[in-house]
Amino acid sequence: MILPNFLAILAVFIFFAPIISCNSVSEIIETEEEPQPAISAPAPAAQLPASETPQQAAEYVFDPANVSHEYYSSIRNEVRHFIENLNVIVHNSNYNAWLLSLSQEYIDQHSSPDFLHEQSQSPLLRMSNRVLHSLNDYFIYVFVPSRTRINIRIEDVDIEFITEHRVRAFITREGDGEREILYTLEEIDDIWKISN
């Protein structure tokens, strides 16, 4: 008779053991405090315009038609100053200074073998038997000559917004009134750079 009592006790134990262990685990989980991850403070509301909520700021889409006259004038002056400095760099054929005024995107495109090969096929370079092998070659044989032929009065330089931090700098030719695009510029870390 020991065997049926043992089986009865075993059956009770098997039936109640999971229930007892679940309760004790849930009690442990409820009472155990987990370390809270560090939460960065949200951006101060002062960074957003008073009329904008964070959700509106996230949905913000730049519209060049809504640029204020003050902002437009400020950016145009910055761009004019950049082009004045660039003109000095070109006049002095200073490759290293020119390199610092280029976006990485521009450097990558204009130093690619395909681009250099395509430029080497231009009539002027073919007549002089020039083959471009590097960005430095492009600067010396294409960029500098193309810019020194243009007489730019800095006060004639105007801009057109592409995005909030990207503009086209151009002049309007006298006579036909056609726009001549000088550069596409991008503001990267508060510095204007030539871009694609």
N, C-alpha and C. Protein backbone atom coordinates (compact mmCIF):
# COMPACT_ATOMS: atom_id res chain seq x y z
N MET A 1 0.81 -1.20 0.00
CA MET A 1 0.00 0.00 0.00
C MET A 1 0.84 1.25 0.00
N ILE A 2 2.05 1.04 0.17
CA ILE A 2 2.93 2.20 0.12
C ILE A 2 2.96 2.76 -1.29
N LEU A 3 2.87 1.90 -2.26
CA LEU A 3 2.93 2.35 -3.64
C LEU A 3 1.76 3.24 -4.02
N PRO A 4 0.48 2.90 -3.70
CA PRO A 4 -0.61 3.83 -4.06
C PRO A 4 -0.49 5.15 -3.33
N ASN A 5 -0.07 5.20 -2.07
CA ASN A 5 0.10 6.48 -1.37
C ASN A 5 1.21 7.31 -2.03
N PHE A 6 2.26 6.61 -2.40
CA PHE A 6 3.36 7.30 -3.05
C PHE A 6 2.90 7.90 -4.38
N LEU A 7 2.10 7.14 -5.14
CA LEU A 7 1.59 7.63 -6.42
C LEU A 7 0.62 8.80 -6.22
N ALA A 8 -0.17 8.75 -5.17
CA ALA A 8 -1.10 9.84 -4.89
C ALA A 8 -0.34 11.12 -4.54
N ILE A 9 0.70 10.97 -3.73
CA ILE A 9 1.52 12.14 -3.35
C ILE A 9 2.24 12.68 -4.57
N LEU A 10 2.75 11.79 -5.38
CA LEU A 10 3.45 12.20 -6.59
C LEU A 10 2.50 12.92 -7.53
N ALA A 11 1.29 12.45 -7.68
CA ALA A 11 0.30 13.08 -8.56
C ALA A 11 -0.04 14.47 -8.05
N VAL A 12 -0.22 14.62 -6.73
CA VAL A 12 -0.51 15.93 -6.14
C VAL A 12 0.66 16.87 -6.38
N PHE A 13 1.86 16.35 -6.17
CA PHE A 13 3.05 17.16 -6.36
C PHE A 13 3.18 17.61 -7.82
N ILE A 14 2.98 16.71 -8.76
CA ILE A 14 3.08 17.03 -10.19
C ILE A 14 2.01 18.05 -10.57
N PHE A 15 0.81 17.93 -10.01
CA PHE A 15 -0.28 18.84 -10.34
C PHE A 15 -0.03 20.24 -9.78
N PHE A 16 0.40 20.35 -8.53
CA PHE A 16 0.54 21.66 -7.89
C PHE A 16 1.91 22.31 -8.07
N ALA A 17 2.91 21.57 -8.43
CA ALA A 17 4.26 22.14 -8.55
C ALA A 17 4.32 23.26 -9.60
N PRO A 18 3.77 23.08 -10.79
CA PRO A 18 3.84 24.18 -11.76
C PRO A 18 3.10 25.43 -11.29
N ILE A 19 1.99 25.25 -10.60
CA ILE A 19 1.22 26.40 -10.13
C ILE A 19 1.99 27.16 -9.08
N ILE A 20 2.58 26.44 -8.14
CA ILE A 20 3.35 27.06 -7.07
C ILE A 20 4.58 27.77 -7.65
N SER A 21 5.29 27.11 -8.56
CA SER A 21 6.50 27.71 -9.12
C SER A 21 6.16 28.93 -9.97
N CYS A 22 5.05 28.94 -10.70
CA CYS A 22 4.67 30.11 -11.51
C CYS A 22 4.38 31.29 -10.62
N ASN A 23 3.66 31.05 -9.50
CA ASN A 23 3.36 32.15 -8.60
C ASN A 23 4.64 32.74 -8.03
N SER A 24 5.56 31.90 -7.63
CA SER A 24 6.77 32.42 -7.00
C SER A 24 7.63 33.16 -8.03
N VAL A 25 7.66 32.72 -9.27
CA VAL A 25 8.43 33.41 -10.30
C VAL A 25 7.79 34.76 -10.60
N SER A 26 6.47 34.80 -10.73
CA SER A 26 5.82 36.07 -11.03
C SER A 26 5.99 37.05 -9.89
N GLU A 27 5.98 36.52 -8.63
CA GLU A 27 6.22 37.43 -7.51
C GLU A 27 7.63 37.99 -7.57
N ILE A 28 8.59 37.17 -7.95
CA ILE A 28 9.97 37.63 -8.06
C ILE A 28 10.08 38.68 -9.16
N ILE A 29 9.45 38.44 -10.29
CA ILE A 29 9.50 39.38 -11.41
C ILE A 29 8.87 40.70 -11.03
N GLU A 30 7.73 40.63 -10.32
CA GLU A 30 7.05 41.87 -9.95
C GLU A 30 7.85 42.68 -8.96
N THR A 31 8.56 42.03 -8.05
CA THR A 31 9.28 42.77 -7.03
C THR A 31 10.68 43.15 -7.46
N GLU A 32 11.23 42.47 -8.46
CA GLU A 32 12.58 42.77 -8.91
C GLU A 32 12.57 44.03 -9.77
N GLU A 33 13.42 44.98 -9.44
CA GLU A 33 13.49 46.21 -10.23
C GLU A 33 14.58 46.08 -11.26
N GLU A 34 14.22 46.35 -12.52
CA GLU A 34 15.20 46.30 -13.60
C GLU A 34 15.81 47.68 -13.77
N PRO A 35 17.08 47.72 -14.09
CA PRO A 35 17.70 49.03 -14.31
C PRO A 35 17.06 49.70 -15.52
N GLN A 36 16.79 50.97 -15.39
CA GLN A 36 16.16 51.73 -16.46
C GLN A 36 17.24 52.26 -17.41
N PRO A 37 17.01 52.13 -18.74
CA PRO A 37 17.99 52.66 -19.67
C PRO A 37 18.02 54.18 -19.58
N ALA A 38 19.19 54.75 -19.88
CA ALA A 38 19.32 56.21 -19.86
C ALA A 38 18.47 56.79 -20.98
N ILE A 39 17.70 57.77 -20.65
CA ILE A 39 16.82 58.41 -21.63
C ILE A 39 17.34 59.81 -21.85
N SER A 40 17.63 60.13 -23.11
CA SER A 40 18.11 61.48 -23.39
C SER A 40 16.94 62.44 -23.33
N ALA A 41 17.22 63.59 -22.84
CA ALA A 41 16.19 64.61 -22.72
C ALA A 41 15.77 65.07 -24.10
N PRO A 42 14.48 65.34 -24.30
CA PRO A 42 14.05 65.83 -25.60
C PRO A 42 14.64 67.21 -25.85
N ALA A 43 14.70 67.56 -27.14
CA ALA A 43 15.23 68.87 -27.50
C ALA A 43 14.39 69.96 -26.84
N PRO A 44 15.04 70.97 -26.33
CA PRO A 44 14.28 72.04 -25.70
C PRO A 44 13.32 72.68 -26.71
N ALA A 45 12.17 73.05 -26.22
CA ALA A 45 11.16 73.65 -27.09
C ALA A 45 11.65 74.94 -27.71
N ALA A 46 12.64 75.59 -27.12
CA ALA A 46 13.14 76.85 -27.65
C ALA A 46 13.80 76.68 -29.01
N GLN A 47 14.23 75.44 -29.36
CA GLN A 47 14.87 75.22 -30.64
C GLN A 47 13.86 75.23 -31.78
N LEU A 48 12.63 74.96 -31.49
CA LEU A 48 11.60 74.98 -32.50
C LEU A 48 10.90 76.33 -32.49
N PRO A 49 10.45 76.77 -33.66
CA PRO A 49 9.66 78.00 -33.66
C PRO A 49 8.46 77.83 -32.73
N ALA A 50 8.04 78.93 -32.12
CA ALA A 50 6.97 78.87 -31.12
C ALA A 50 5.71 78.23 -31.67
N SER A 51 5.43 78.39 -32.96
CA SER A 51 4.20 77.86 -33.53
C SER A 51 4.33 76.42 -33.99
N GLU A 52 5.53 75.81 -33.89
CA GLU A 52 5.73 74.45 -34.36
C GLU A 52 5.83 73.46 -33.22
N THR A 53 5.14 72.36 -33.37
CA THR A 53 5.28 71.25 -32.44
C THR A 53 6.37 70.34 -33.00
N PRO A 54 6.91 69.44 -32.17
CA PRO A 54 7.92 68.51 -32.71
C PRO A 54 7.42 67.70 -33.90
N GLN A 55 6.13 67.34 -33.89
CA GLN A 55 5.58 66.58 -35.02
C GLN A 55 5.58 67.44 -36.28
N GLN A 56 5.22 68.71 -36.17
CA GLN A 56 5.22 69.60 -37.33
C GLN A 56 6.64 69.79 -37.84
N ALA A 57 7.61 69.88 -36.95
CA ALA A 57 9.00 70.05 -37.37
C ALA A 57 9.47 68.83 -38.14
N ALA A 58 9.05 67.63 -37.72
CA ALA A 58 9.44 66.41 -38.41
C ALA A 58 8.81 66.35 -39.80
N GLU A 59 7.66 66.97 -39.98
CA GLU A 59 6.97 66.97 -41.26
C GLU A 59 7.36 68.16 -42.12
N TYR A 60 8.29 68.98 -41.68
CA TYR A 60 8.69 70.19 -42.37
C TYR A 60 9.30 69.88 -43.73
N VAL A 61 8.82 70.56 -44.75
CA VAL A 61 9.36 70.43 -46.09
C VAL A 61 9.76 71.83 -46.55
N PHE A 62 11.02 71.97 -46.97
CA PHE A 62 11.52 73.27 -47.41
C PHE A 62 10.86 73.67 -48.72
N ASP A 63 10.41 74.90 -48.78
CA ASP A 63 9.81 75.45 -50.00
C ASP A 63 10.56 76.72 -50.36
N PRO A 64 11.33 76.71 -51.45
CA PRO A 64 12.10 77.89 -51.83
C PRO A 64 11.25 79.14 -52.02
N ALA A 65 9.98 78.97 -52.37
CA ALA A 65 9.10 80.12 -52.57
C ALA A 65 8.81 80.85 -51.26
N ASN A 66 9.03 80.19 -50.13
CA ASN A 66 8.72 80.80 -48.83
C ASN A 66 9.94 81.36 -48.11
N VAL A 67 11.06 81.49 -48.81
CA VAL A 67 12.27 82.03 -48.19
C VAL A 67 12.08 83.53 -47.99
N SER A 68 12.37 83.99 -46.78
CA SER A 68 12.22 85.42 -46.51
C SER A 68 13.30 86.20 -47.24
N HIS A 69 13.05 87.47 -47.48
CA HIS A 69 14.00 88.34 -48.17
C HIS A 69 15.30 88.44 -47.37
N GLU A 70 15.18 88.50 -46.05
CA GLU A 70 16.36 88.61 -45.19
C GLU A 70 17.24 87.36 -45.30
N TYR A 71 16.61 86.19 -45.26
CA TYR A 71 17.36 84.95 -45.35
C TYR A 71 18.01 84.83 -46.73
N TYR A 72 17.25 85.15 -47.76
CA TYR A 72 17.77 85.11 -49.13
C TYR A 72 18.99 86.02 -49.27
N SER A 73 18.90 87.24 -48.77
CA SER A 73 20.01 88.20 -48.86
C SER A 73 21.22 87.72 -48.09
N SER A 74 20.98 87.15 -46.93
CA SER A 74 22.07 86.64 -46.10
C SER A 74 22.81 85.51 -46.81
N ILE A 75 22.08 84.57 -47.36
CA ILE A 75 22.70 83.44 -48.06
C ILE A 75 23.38 83.91 -49.33
N ARG A 76 22.76 84.83 -50.05
CA ARG A 76 23.39 85.36 -51.27
C ARG A 76 24.72 86.03 -50.94
N ASN A 77 24.78 86.76 -49.84
CA ASN A 77 26.04 87.40 -49.43
C ASN A 77 27.10 86.36 -49.06
N GLU A 78 26.69 85.32 -48.36
CA GLU A 78 27.63 84.23 -48.02
C GLU A 78 28.18 83.59 -49.29
N VAL A 79 27.30 83.33 -50.25
CA VAL A 79 27.70 82.69 -51.50
C VAL A 79 28.62 83.62 -52.30
N ARG A 80 28.30 84.89 -52.34
CA ARG A 80 29.17 85.84 -53.04
C ARG A 80 30.56 85.87 -52.42
N HIS A 81 30.62 85.85 -51.11
CA HIS A 81 31.90 85.84 -50.41
C HIS A 81 32.68 84.56 -50.75
N PHE A 82 31.99 83.43 -50.76
CA PHE A 82 32.60 82.16 -51.11
C PHE A 82 33.18 82.22 -52.53
N ILE A 83 32.41 82.77 -53.47
CA ILE A 83 32.86 82.84 -54.87
C ILE A 83 34.03 83.81 -55.01
N GLU A 84 34.02 84.90 -54.27
CA GLU A 84 35.17 85.82 -54.29
C GLU A 84 36.45 85.09 -53.87
N ASN A 85 36.36 84.34 -52.79
CA ASN A 85 37.51 83.56 -52.33
C ASN A 85 37.92 82.50 -53.36
N LEU A 86 36.92 81.88 -53.95
CA LEU A 86 37.19 80.86 -54.97
C LEU A 86 37.88 81.46 -56.19
N ASN A 87 37.49 82.67 -56.56
CA ASN A 87 38.13 83.35 -57.69
C ASN A 87 39.62 83.57 -57.43
N VAL A 88 39.97 83.90 -56.21
CA VAL A 88 41.38 84.07 -55.84
C VAL A 88 42.11 82.73 -55.93
N ILE A 89 41.47 81.68 -55.45
CA ILE A 89 42.04 80.34 -55.51
C ILE A 89 42.31 79.93 -56.96
N VAL A 90 41.34 80.18 -57.83
CA VAL A 90 41.48 79.84 -59.25
C VAL A 90 42.57 80.70 -59.88
N HIS A 91 42.56 81.99 -59.59
CA HIS A 91 43.57 82.90 -60.15
C HIS A 91 44.98 82.44 -59.78
N ASN A 92 45.15 81.95 -58.56
CA ASN A 92 46.46 81.47 -58.10
C ASN A 92 46.71 80.00 -58.43
N SER A 93 45.76 79.37 -59.09
CA SER A 93 45.84 77.93 -59.41
C SER A 93 46.23 77.10 -58.18
N ASN A 94 45.58 77.39 -57.07
CA ASN A 94 45.89 76.74 -55.80
C ASN A 94 45.01 75.49 -55.64
N TYR A 95 45.55 74.37 -56.09
CA TYR A 95 44.80 73.11 -56.07
C TYR A 95 44.38 72.71 -54.66
N ASN A 96 45.28 72.79 -53.69
CA ASN A 96 44.97 72.35 -52.32
C ASN A 96 43.86 73.18 -51.70
N ALA A 97 43.86 74.49 -51.93
CA ALA A 97 42.78 75.34 -51.42
C ALA A 97 41.48 75.02 -52.13
N TRP A 98 41.54 74.75 -53.43
CA TRP A 98 40.35 74.39 -54.20
C TRP A 98 39.76 73.10 -53.67
N LEU A 99 40.63 72.14 -53.38
CA LEU A 99 40.19 70.85 -52.87
C LEU A 99 39.38 71.01 -51.58
N LEU A 100 39.78 71.94 -50.74
CA LEU A 100 39.06 72.18 -49.48
C LEU A 100 37.68 72.81 -49.71
N SER A 101 37.46 73.36 -50.90
CA SER A 101 36.16 73.99 -51.18
C SER A 101 35.21 73.06 -51.92
N LEU A 102 35.53 71.77 -51.97
CA LEU A 102 34.71 70.79 -52.69
C LEU A 102 34.01 69.85 -51.72
N SER A 103 32.79 69.49 -52.07
CA SER A 103 32.10 68.45 -51.29
C SER A 103 32.70 67.10 -51.66
N GLN A 104 32.54 66.13 -50.78
CA GLN A 104 33.05 64.79 -51.06
C GLN A 104 32.36 64.21 -52.29
N GLU A 105 31.10 64.50 -52.45
CA GLU A 105 30.33 64.04 -53.61
C GLU A 105 30.98 64.54 -54.91
N TYR A 106 31.35 65.81 -54.92
CA TYR A 106 31.98 66.42 -56.10
C TYR A 106 33.34 65.76 -56.35
N ILE A 107 34.13 65.59 -55.30
CA ILE A 107 35.45 64.96 -55.44
C ILE A 107 35.31 63.56 -56.02
N ASP A 108 34.38 62.78 -55.48
CA ASP A 108 34.19 61.41 -55.95
C ASP A 108 33.81 61.38 -57.42
N GLN A 109 32.87 62.22 -57.82
CA GLN A 109 32.43 62.21 -59.22
C GLN A 109 33.53 62.69 -60.15
N HIS A 110 34.16 63.80 -59.82
CA HIS A 110 35.12 64.41 -60.74
C HIS A 110 36.49 63.74 -60.75
N SER A 111 36.72 62.81 -59.86
CA SER A 111 37.98 62.07 -59.89
C SER A 111 37.77 60.64 -60.39
N SER A 112 36.55 60.30 -60.76
CA SER A 112 36.28 58.94 -61.24
C SER A 112 36.91 58.76 -62.63
N PRO A 113 37.42 57.58 -62.91
CA PRO A 113 38.03 57.33 -64.23
C PRO A 113 37.08 57.59 -65.40
N ASP A 114 35.80 57.25 -65.23
CA ASP A 114 34.83 57.48 -66.31
C ASP A 114 34.68 58.96 -66.61
N PHE A 115 34.57 59.77 -65.55
CA PHE A 115 34.42 61.21 -65.74
C PHE A 115 35.68 61.80 -66.39
N LEU A 116 36.84 61.41 -65.90
CA LEU A 116 38.10 61.93 -66.44
C LEU A 116 38.27 61.53 -67.91
N HIS A 117 37.90 60.32 -68.24
CA HIS A 117 37.97 59.86 -69.63
C HIS A 117 37.03 60.69 -70.51
N GLU A 118 35.82 60.90 -70.03
CA GLU A 118 34.84 61.69 -70.78
C GLU A 118 35.35 63.12 -71.02
N GLN A 119 35.91 63.73 -69.98
CA GLN A 119 36.46 65.08 -70.12
C GLN A 119 37.66 65.11 -71.07
N SER A 120 38.44 64.06 -71.07
CA SER A 120 39.60 63.98 -71.96
C SER A 120 39.20 63.94 -73.43
N GLN A 121 37.95 63.59 -73.70
CA GLN A 121 37.46 63.52 -75.08
C GLN A 121 36.98 64.88 -75.62
N SER A 122 37.02 65.91 -74.80
CA SER A 122 36.57 67.23 -75.26
C SER A 122 37.51 67.73 -76.36
N PRO A 123 37.00 68.50 -77.30
CA PRO A 123 37.82 68.97 -78.42
C PRO A 123 39.08 69.73 -77.99
N LEU A 124 38.98 70.59 -76.98
CA LEU A 124 40.15 71.35 -76.55
C LEU A 124 41.26 70.45 -76.02
N LEU A 125 40.90 69.48 -75.21
CA LEU A 125 41.92 68.59 -74.65
C LEU A 125 42.48 67.65 -75.71
N ARG A 126 41.64 67.23 -76.63
CA ARG A 126 42.13 66.34 -77.69
C ARG A 126 43.09 67.08 -78.62
N MET A 127 42.79 68.36 -78.89
CA MET A 127 43.70 69.14 -79.75
C MET A 127 45.07 69.31 -79.10
N SER A 128 45.08 69.43 -77.78
CA SER A 128 46.37 69.61 -77.08
C SER A 128 46.95 68.27 -76.58
N ASN A 129 46.33 67.18 -77.01
CA ASN A 129 46.78 65.83 -76.62
C ASN A 129 46.87 65.66 -75.10
N ARG A 130 45.93 66.23 -74.39
CA ARG A 130 45.89 66.11 -72.92
C ARG A 130 44.94 64.96 -72.55
N VAL A 131 45.40 64.14 -71.65
CA VAL A 131 44.57 63.08 -71.08
C VAL A 131 44.56 63.29 -69.58
N LEU A 132 43.36 63.38 -69.03
CA LEU A 132 43.22 63.62 -67.59
C LEU A 132 43.35 62.30 -66.83
N HIS A 133 44.21 62.30 -65.82
CA HIS A 133 44.41 61.11 -65.00
C HIS A 133 43.99 61.30 -63.55
N SER A 134 43.75 62.55 -63.16
CA SER A 134 43.46 62.82 -61.74
C SER A 134 42.59 64.07 -61.60
N LEU A 135 42.12 64.28 -60.40
CA LEU A 135 41.37 65.50 -60.10
C LEU A 135 42.26 66.73 -60.26
N ASN A 136 43.52 66.58 -59.94
CA ASN A 136 44.47 67.68 -60.11
C ASN A 136 44.58 68.06 -61.59
N ASP A 137 44.63 67.06 -62.48
CA ASP A 137 44.64 67.33 -63.92
C ASP A 137 43.38 68.08 -64.33
N TYR A 138 42.24 67.63 -63.81
CA TYR A 138 40.97 68.30 -64.12
C TYR A 138 41.01 69.76 -63.69
N PHE A 139 41.55 70.01 -62.50
CA PHE A 139 41.66 71.38 -61.99
C PHE A 139 42.52 72.23 -62.92
N ILE A 140 43.70 71.72 -63.28
CA ILE A 140 44.66 72.50 -64.08
C ILE A 140 44.18 72.72 -65.52
N TYR A 141 43.67 71.68 -66.15
CA TYR A 141 43.40 71.74 -67.59
C TYR A 141 41.94 72.05 -67.96
N VAL A 142 41.03 71.92 -67.00
CA VAL A 142 39.62 72.18 -67.31
C VAL A 142 39.04 73.28 -66.42
N PHE A 143 39.10 73.08 -65.11
CA PHE A 143 38.43 74.01 -64.20
C PHE A 143 39.02 75.42 -64.27
N VAL A 144 40.33 75.54 -64.09
CA VAL A 144 40.96 76.86 -64.09
C VAL A 144 40.74 77.58 -65.42
N PRO A 145 41.01 76.94 -66.57
CA PRO A 145 40.78 77.66 -67.83
C PRO A 145 39.32 78.08 -68.03
N SER A 146 38.39 77.23 -67.61
CA SER A 146 36.98 77.58 -67.81
C SER A 146 36.56 78.76 -66.94
N ARG A 147 37.15 78.88 -65.76
CA ARG A 147 36.77 79.97 -64.84
C ARG A 147 37.52 81.27 -65.14
N THR A 148 38.70 81.17 -65.67
CA THR A 148 39.45 82.41 -65.95
C THR A 148 38.92 83.10 -67.20
N ARG A 149 38.21 82.39 -68.04
CA ARG A 149 37.60 83.01 -69.23
C ARG A 149 36.34 83.79 -68.89
N ILE A 150 35.74 83.50 -67.73
CA ILE A 150 34.51 84.18 -67.33
C ILE A 150 34.86 85.41 -66.50
N ASN A 151 34.35 86.54 -66.92
CA ASN A 151 34.55 87.77 -66.15
C ASN A 151 33.33 87.93 -65.24
N ILE A 152 33.52 87.64 -63.97
CA ILE A 152 32.40 87.66 -63.03
C ILE A 152 32.49 88.90 -62.16
N ARG A 153 31.48 89.73 -62.27
CA ARG A 153 31.34 90.82 -61.30
C ARG A 153 30.53 90.24 -60.15
N ILE A 154 31.12 90.25 -58.99
CA ILE A 154 30.54 89.56 -57.84
C ILE A 154 29.15 90.08 -57.50
N GLU A 155 28.90 91.37 -57.74
CA GLU A 155 27.57 91.92 -57.44
C GLU A 155 26.51 91.42 -58.41
N ASP A 156 26.93 90.78 -59.51
CA ASP A 156 25.98 90.21 -60.46
C ASP A 156 25.60 88.77 -60.13
N VAL A 157 26.30 88.18 -59.17
CA VAL A 157 26.01 86.79 -58.80
C VAL A 157 24.70 86.74 -58.03
N ASP A 158 23.84 85.85 -58.47
CA ASP A 158 22.56 85.65 -57.79
C ASP A 158 22.45 84.17 -57.43
N ILE A 159 21.46 83.84 -56.64
CA ILE A 159 21.29 82.45 -56.22
C ILE A 159 19.86 82.00 -56.41
N GLU A 160 19.73 80.70 -56.49
CA GLU A 160 18.43 80.05 -56.55
C GLU A 160 18.49 78.89 -55.58
N PHE A 161 17.53 78.82 -54.66
CA PHE A 161 17.51 77.73 -53.68
C PHE A 161 17.05 76.43 -54.34
N ILE A 162 17.77 75.37 -54.05
CA ILE A 162 17.37 74.03 -54.45
C ILE A 162 16.76 73.34 -53.24
N THR A 163 17.50 73.40 -52.13
CA THR A 163 17.02 72.95 -50.83
C THR A 163 17.45 74.02 -49.83
N GLU A 164 17.17 73.78 -48.58
CA GLU A 164 17.53 74.75 -47.55
C GLU A 164 19.04 74.98 -47.47
N HIS A 165 19.83 73.96 -47.80
CA HIS A 165 21.29 74.06 -47.68
C HIS A 165 22.00 73.84 -49.02
N ARG A 166 21.28 74.01 -50.10
CA ARG A 166 21.85 73.80 -51.44
C ARG A 166 21.31 74.89 -52.36
N VAL A 167 22.23 75.57 -53.07
CA VAL A 167 21.83 76.65 -53.98
C VAL A 167 22.57 76.53 -55.31
N ARG A 168 21.99 77.16 -56.33
CA ARG A 168 22.69 77.35 -57.59
C ARG A 168 23.11 78.81 -57.63
N ALA A 169 24.39 79.04 -57.89
CA ALA A 169 24.87 80.41 -58.07
C ALA A 169 24.96 80.66 -59.56
N PHE A 170 24.45 81.80 -60.00
CA PHE A 170 24.43 82.08 -61.43
C PHE A 170 24.59 83.57 -61.68
N ILE A 171 24.86 83.89 -62.93
CA ILE A 171 24.81 85.28 -63.39
C ILE A 171 23.84 85.30 -64.56
N THR A 172 23.25 86.45 -64.80
CA THR A 172 22.38 86.62 -65.95
C THR A 172 23.17 87.40 -67.00
N ARG A 173 23.32 86.80 -68.16
CA ARG A 173 24.11 87.42 -69.23
C ARG A 173 23.37 88.63 -69.77
N GLU A 174 24.14 89.69 -70.01
CA GLU A 174 23.56 90.87 -70.64
C GLU A 174 23.27 90.55 -72.09
N GLY A 175 22.27 91.17 -72.63
CA GLY A 175 21.92 90.94 -74.02
C GLY A 175 20.80 89.92 -74.15
N ASP A 176 21.13 88.65 -73.93
CA ASP A 176 20.11 87.61 -74.10
C ASP A 176 19.38 87.27 -72.81
N GLY A 177 19.87 87.74 -71.67
CA GLY A 177 19.20 87.51 -70.39
C GLY A 177 19.23 86.08 -69.92
N GLU A 178 20.05 85.25 -70.56
CA GLU A 178 20.15 83.84 -70.17
C GLU A 178 20.95 83.70 -68.89
N ARG A 179 20.52 82.74 -68.07
CA ARG A 179 21.26 82.43 -66.85
C ARG A 179 22.45 81.56 -67.18
N GLU A 180 23.57 81.90 -66.60
CA GLU A 180 24.76 81.06 -66.72
C GLU A 180 25.08 80.55 -65.33
N ILE A 181 24.90 79.26 -65.15
CA ILE A 181 25.14 78.67 -63.83
C ILE A 181 26.63 78.59 -63.59
N LEU A 182 27.05 79.15 -62.46
CA LEU A 182 28.46 79.13 -62.08
C LEU A 182 28.78 77.89 -61.26
N TYR A 183 27.98 77.68 -60.24
CA TYR A 183 28.23 76.57 -59.31
C TYR A 183 26.92 76.10 -58.70
N THR A 184 26.91 74.84 -58.32
CA THR A 184 25.93 74.33 -57.37
C THR A 184 26.70 74.21 -56.07
N LEU A 185 26.18 74.85 -55.04
CA LEU A 185 26.87 74.90 -53.75
C LEU A 185 26.02 74.26 -52.67
N GLU A 186 26.70 73.64 -51.73
CA GLU A 186 26.01 73.02 -50.61
C GLU A 186 26.67 73.47 -49.32
N GLU A 187 25.84 73.82 -48.35
CA GLU A 187 26.36 74.19 -47.03
C GLU A 187 26.51 72.92 -46.20
N ILE A 188 27.77 72.61 -45.87
CA ILE A 188 28.07 71.41 -45.10
C ILE A 188 28.81 71.86 -43.85
N ASP A 189 28.23 71.59 -42.68
CA ASP A 189 28.82 72.02 -41.41
C ASP A 189 29.12 73.51 -41.41
N ASP A 190 28.17 74.29 -41.88
CA ASP A 190 28.25 75.76 -41.92
C ASP A 190 29.32 76.30 -42.86
N ILE A 191 29.78 75.49 -43.81
CA ILE A 191 30.76 75.93 -44.79
C ILE A 191 30.22 75.62 -46.19
N TRP A 192 30.25 76.61 -47.07
CA TRP A 192 29.80 76.39 -48.45
C TRP A 192 30.86 75.62 -49.21
N LYS A 193 30.40 74.65 -50.00
CA LYS A 193 31.29 73.83 -50.81
C LYS A 193 30.67 73.62 -52.18
N ILE A 194 31.53 73.45 -53.19
CA ILE A 194 31.05 73.14 -54.54
C ILE A 194 30.52 71.72 -54.51
N SER A 195 29.34 71.55 -55.08
CA SER A 195 28.69 70.25 -55.07
C SER A 195 28.22 69.91 -56.48
N ASN A 196 27.64 68.75 -56.64
CA ASN A 196 27.11 68.34 -57.95
C ASN A 196 25.70 68.85 -58.14
